[in-house]
Amino acid sequence: MRQVKRRHAPYTKLKALLEERGVSQSELAAKLGKSPSALNQNLNGTGGDFSLSEVRLICSLFDISADEYFLYPGVSEKKPDTA
């Protein structure tokens, strides 16, 4: 089996969110003004990364945190108490 070269870690958490909310990659690609193929490469880590404006738009569309879905995707949704 051929090894896939990745430029960055895949966004599996974002892919799961799209599936959970019933949003296709084609729909998100259209909102971002890019081809479905380019979005798929972004999501899988085989193409370029998302631009800052794309991250902002995705976060706004889905009401999600850039930290949680892009910077530290392994972080759980539950935030620790800071008391």
N, C-alpha and C. Protein backbone atom coordinates (compact mmCIF):
# COMPACT_ATOMS: atom_id res chain seq x y z
N MET A 1 0.84 -1.18 0.00
CA MET A 1 0.00 0.00 0.00
C MET A 1 0.88 1.25 0.00
N ARG A 2 0.54 2.22 -0.82
CA ARG A 2 1.32 3.44 -0.95
C ARG A 2 1.08 4.38 0.23
N GLN A 3 2.16 4.95 0.73
CA GLN A 3 2.08 5.90 1.85
C GLN A 3 1.57 7.25 1.32
N VAL A 4 0.59 7.85 2.00
CA VAL A 4 0.05 9.14 1.60
C VAL A 4 0.90 10.23 2.23
N LYS A 5 1.36 11.17 1.40
CA LYS A 5 2.14 12.30 1.93
C LYS A 5 1.17 13.37 2.39
N ARG A 6 1.28 13.72 3.64
CA ARG A 6 0.41 14.75 4.20
C ARG A 6 1.23 16.00 4.51
N ARG A 7 0.65 17.15 4.23
CA ARG A 7 1.30 18.42 4.54
C ARG A 7 0.99 18.85 5.96
N HIS A 8 -0.14 18.43 6.47
CA HIS A 8 -0.55 18.73 7.85
C HIS A 8 -1.49 17.62 8.30
N ALA A 9 -1.79 17.60 9.58
CA ALA A 9 -2.69 16.57 10.12
C ALA A 9 -4.08 16.72 9.53
N PRO A 10 -4.75 15.62 9.24
CA PRO A 10 -6.13 15.70 8.73
C PRO A 10 -7.07 16.30 9.77
N TYR A 11 -8.09 16.95 9.30
CA TYR A 11 -9.09 17.56 10.18
C TYR A 11 -10.25 16.58 10.40
N THR A 12 -9.99 15.50 11.10
CA THR A 12 -11.00 14.47 11.30
C THR A 12 -12.16 14.98 12.15
N LYS A 13 -11.86 15.86 13.09
CA LYS A 13 -12.93 16.39 13.94
C LYS A 13 -13.88 17.27 13.12
N LEU A 14 -13.34 18.07 12.21
CA LEU A 14 -14.18 18.90 11.36
C LEU A 14 -14.98 18.03 10.39
N LYS A 15 -14.36 17.00 9.85
CA LYS A 15 -15.08 16.08 8.96
C LYS A 15 -16.24 15.42 9.70
N ALA A 16 -16.02 15.03 10.94
CA ALA A 16 -17.08 14.41 11.74
C ALA A 16 -18.21 15.41 12.00
N LEU A 17 -17.86 16.67 12.24
CA LEU A 17 -18.87 17.70 12.47
C LEU A 17 -19.74 17.88 11.23
N LEU A 18 -19.10 17.91 10.06
CA LEU A 18 -19.87 18.05 8.82
C LEU A 18 -20.87 16.90 8.68
N GLU A 19 -20.40 15.71 8.93
CA GLU A 19 -21.27 14.53 8.82
C GLU A 19 -22.41 14.60 9.84
N GLU A 20 -22.06 14.97 11.06
CA GLU A 20 -23.05 15.07 12.14
C GLU A 20 -24.14 16.08 11.81
N ARG A 21 -23.77 17.18 11.17
CA ARG A 21 -24.73 18.24 10.85
C ARG A 21 -25.36 18.08 9.47
N GLY A 22 -24.98 17.01 8.77
CA GLY A 22 -25.59 16.74 7.47
C GLY A 22 -25.15 17.71 6.38
N VAL A 23 -23.94 18.23 6.50
CA VAL A 23 -23.41 19.16 5.51
C VAL A 23 -22.40 18.41 4.64
N SER A 24 -22.60 18.45 3.34
CA SER A 24 -21.66 17.76 2.44
C SER A 24 -20.42 18.61 2.22
N GLN A 25 -19.35 17.95 1.82
CA GLN A 25 -18.13 18.68 1.50
C GLN A 25 -18.36 19.62 0.33
N SER A 26 -19.21 19.23 -0.60
CA SER A 26 -19.53 20.09 -1.76
C SER A 26 -20.22 21.37 -1.31
N GLU A 27 -21.13 21.24 -0.33
CA GLU A 27 -21.83 22.43 0.19
C GLU A 27 -20.85 23.39 0.86
N LEU A 28 -19.96 22.84 1.69
CA LEU A 28 -18.99 23.69 2.37
C LEU A 28 -18.03 24.31 1.36
N ALA A 29 -17.61 23.54 0.38
CA ALA A 29 -16.71 24.06 -0.65
C ALA A 29 -17.34 25.26 -1.37
N ALA A 30 -18.63 25.16 -1.68
CA ALA A 30 -19.33 26.25 -2.36
C ALA A 30 -19.34 27.50 -1.48
N LYS A 31 -19.57 27.33 -0.18
CA LYS A 31 -19.58 28.48 0.74
C LYS A 31 -18.20 29.12 0.84
N LEU A 32 -17.15 28.31 0.69
CA LEU A 32 -15.79 28.82 0.76
C LEU A 32 -15.28 29.32 -0.59
N GLY A 33 -16.05 29.07 -1.64
CA GLY A 33 -15.64 29.50 -2.97
C GLY A 33 -14.49 28.70 -3.54
N LYS A 34 -14.46 27.40 -3.23
CA LYS A 34 -13.40 26.54 -3.75
C LYS A 34 -14.01 25.26 -4.26
N SER A 35 -13.24 24.48 -4.98
CA SER A 35 -13.75 23.23 -5.53
C SER A 35 -13.86 22.17 -4.42
N PRO A 36 -14.78 21.22 -4.59
CA PRO A 36 -14.87 20.12 -3.62
C PRO A 36 -13.56 19.35 -3.48
N SER A 37 -12.82 19.23 -4.59
CA SER A 37 -11.54 18.53 -4.56
C SER A 37 -10.53 19.27 -3.69
N ALA A 38 -10.47 20.58 -3.82
CA ALA A 38 -9.54 21.39 -3.00
C ALA A 38 -9.91 21.29 -1.52
N LEU A 39 -11.21 21.33 -1.22
CA LEU A 39 -11.65 21.20 0.18
C LEU A 39 -11.27 19.83 0.72
N ASN A 40 -11.47 18.79 -0.07
CA ASN A 40 -11.13 17.45 0.36
C ASN A 40 -9.65 17.34 0.69
N GLN A 41 -8.82 17.98 -0.12
CA GLN A 41 -7.38 17.97 0.15
C GLN A 41 -7.06 18.73 1.43
N ASN A 42 -7.75 19.85 1.68
CA ASN A 42 -7.57 20.58 2.95
C ASN A 42 -7.92 19.68 4.12
N LEU A 43 -9.07 19.03 4.04
CA LEU A 43 -9.56 18.21 5.14
C LEU A 43 -8.67 17.00 5.41
N ASN A 44 -8.12 16.42 4.35
CA ASN A 44 -7.32 15.21 4.51
C ASN A 44 -5.84 15.47 4.74
N GLY A 45 -5.44 16.74 4.65
CA GLY A 45 -4.05 17.08 4.91
C GLY A 45 -3.13 16.83 3.74
N THR A 46 -3.68 16.53 2.57
CA THR A 46 -2.84 16.23 1.41
C THR A 46 -2.61 17.46 0.54
N GLY A 47 -3.36 18.51 0.76
CA GLY A 47 -3.19 19.75 0.00
C GLY A 47 -2.76 20.85 0.95
N GLY A 48 -2.97 22.07 0.52
CA GLY A 48 -2.66 23.20 1.38
C GLY A 48 -3.59 23.25 2.57
N ASP A 49 -3.25 24.11 3.50
CA ASP A 49 -4.08 24.27 4.70
C ASP A 49 -5.15 25.33 4.43
N PHE A 50 -6.10 25.44 5.33
CA PHE A 50 -7.12 26.48 5.21
C PHE A 50 -6.47 27.85 5.45
N SER A 51 -6.97 28.86 4.75
CA SER A 51 -6.51 30.23 5.00
C SER A 51 -7.20 30.74 6.26
N LEU A 52 -6.68 31.81 6.81
CA LEU A 52 -7.28 32.38 8.01
C LEU A 52 -8.71 32.83 7.75
N SER A 53 -8.97 33.41 6.58
CA SER A 53 -10.33 33.84 6.27
C SER A 53 -11.27 32.64 6.14
N GLU A 54 -10.77 31.52 5.62
CA GLU A 54 -11.59 30.31 5.54
C GLU A 54 -11.88 29.76 6.93
N VAL A 55 -10.89 29.75 7.80
CA VAL A 55 -11.10 29.28 9.18
C VAL A 55 -12.15 30.15 9.87
N ARG A 56 -12.05 31.46 9.70
CA ARG A 56 -13.03 32.37 10.32
C ARG A 56 -14.43 32.09 9.80
N LEU A 57 -14.56 31.89 8.49
CA LEU A 57 -15.88 31.63 7.90
C LEU A 57 -16.44 30.30 8.40
N ILE A 58 -15.62 29.26 8.43
CA ILE A 58 -16.08 27.95 8.91
C ILE A 58 -16.54 28.06 10.37
N CYS A 59 -15.76 28.74 11.19
CA CYS A 59 -16.12 28.90 12.60
C CYS A 59 -17.43 29.66 12.75
N SER A 60 -17.61 30.68 11.93
CA SER A 60 -18.84 31.47 11.97
C SER A 60 -20.05 30.65 11.50
N LEU A 61 -19.88 29.90 10.41
CA LEU A 61 -20.98 29.10 9.87
C LEU A 61 -21.47 28.04 10.85
N PHE A 62 -20.52 27.42 11.56
CA PHE A 62 -20.88 26.29 12.44
C PHE A 62 -20.84 26.63 13.92
N ASP A 63 -20.55 27.90 14.23
CA ASP A 63 -20.48 28.35 15.62
C ASP A 63 -19.54 27.44 16.44
N ILE A 64 -18.32 27.31 15.92
CA ILE A 64 -17.31 26.48 16.57
C ILE A 64 -16.07 27.31 16.88
N SER A 65 -15.21 26.76 17.71
CA SER A 65 -13.97 27.42 18.11
C SER A 65 -12.82 27.01 17.19
N ALA A 66 -12.07 27.99 16.72
CA ALA A 66 -10.89 27.69 15.90
C ALA A 66 -9.88 26.89 16.70
N ASP A 67 -9.74 27.20 17.98
CA ASP A 67 -8.82 26.45 18.84
C ASP A 67 -9.18 24.98 18.85
N GLU A 68 -10.44 24.69 19.03
CA GLU A 68 -10.89 23.31 19.19
C GLU A 68 -10.84 22.51 17.89
N TYR A 69 -11.12 23.14 16.77
CA TYR A 69 -11.21 22.39 15.51
C TYR A 69 -9.99 22.52 14.61
N PHE A 70 -9.16 23.56 14.82
CA PHE A 70 -8.02 23.76 13.93
C PHE A 70 -6.67 23.73 14.64
N LEU A 71 -6.56 24.37 15.79
CA LEU A 71 -5.27 24.42 16.47
C LEU A 71 -5.00 23.22 17.35
N TYR A 72 -6.00 22.83 18.13
CA TYR A 72 -5.86 21.69 19.06
C TYR A 72 -7.03 20.73 18.86
N PRO A 73 -7.11 20.06 17.70
CA PRO A 73 -8.28 19.23 17.40
C PRO A 73 -8.47 18.04 18.33
N GLY A 74 -7.47 17.70 19.13
CA GLY A 74 -7.62 16.59 20.07
C GLY A 74 -8.28 16.99 21.37
N VAL A 75 -8.49 18.29 21.57
CA VAL A 75 -9.08 18.79 22.81
C VAL A 75 -10.57 18.42 22.84
N SER A 76 -11.04 17.97 23.98
CA SER A 76 -12.45 17.60 24.09
C SER A 76 -13.30 18.86 24.17
N GLU A 77 -14.59 18.67 23.97
CA GLU A 77 -15.51 19.81 24.03
C GLU A 77 -15.67 20.33 25.44
N LYS A 78 -15.45 19.49 26.43
CA LYS A 78 -15.62 19.90 27.81
C LYS A 78 -14.39 20.69 28.26
N LYS A 79 -14.60 21.91 28.65
CA LYS A 79 -13.51 22.77 29.10
C LYS A 79 -13.29 22.58 30.60
N PRO A 80 -12.04 22.59 31.05
CA PRO A 80 -11.79 22.43 32.49
C PRO A 80 -12.26 23.65 33.26
N ASP A 81 -12.66 23.43 34.50
CA ASP A 81 -13.05 24.53 35.37
C ASP A 81 -11.83 25.37 35.69
N THR A 82 -12.01 26.68 35.68
CA THR A 82 -10.89 27.57 35.96
C THR A 82 -11.06 28.26 37.31
N ALA A 83 -11.85 27.66 38.18
CA ALA A 83 -12.12 28.26 39.50
C ALA A 83 -10.98 28.11 40.45
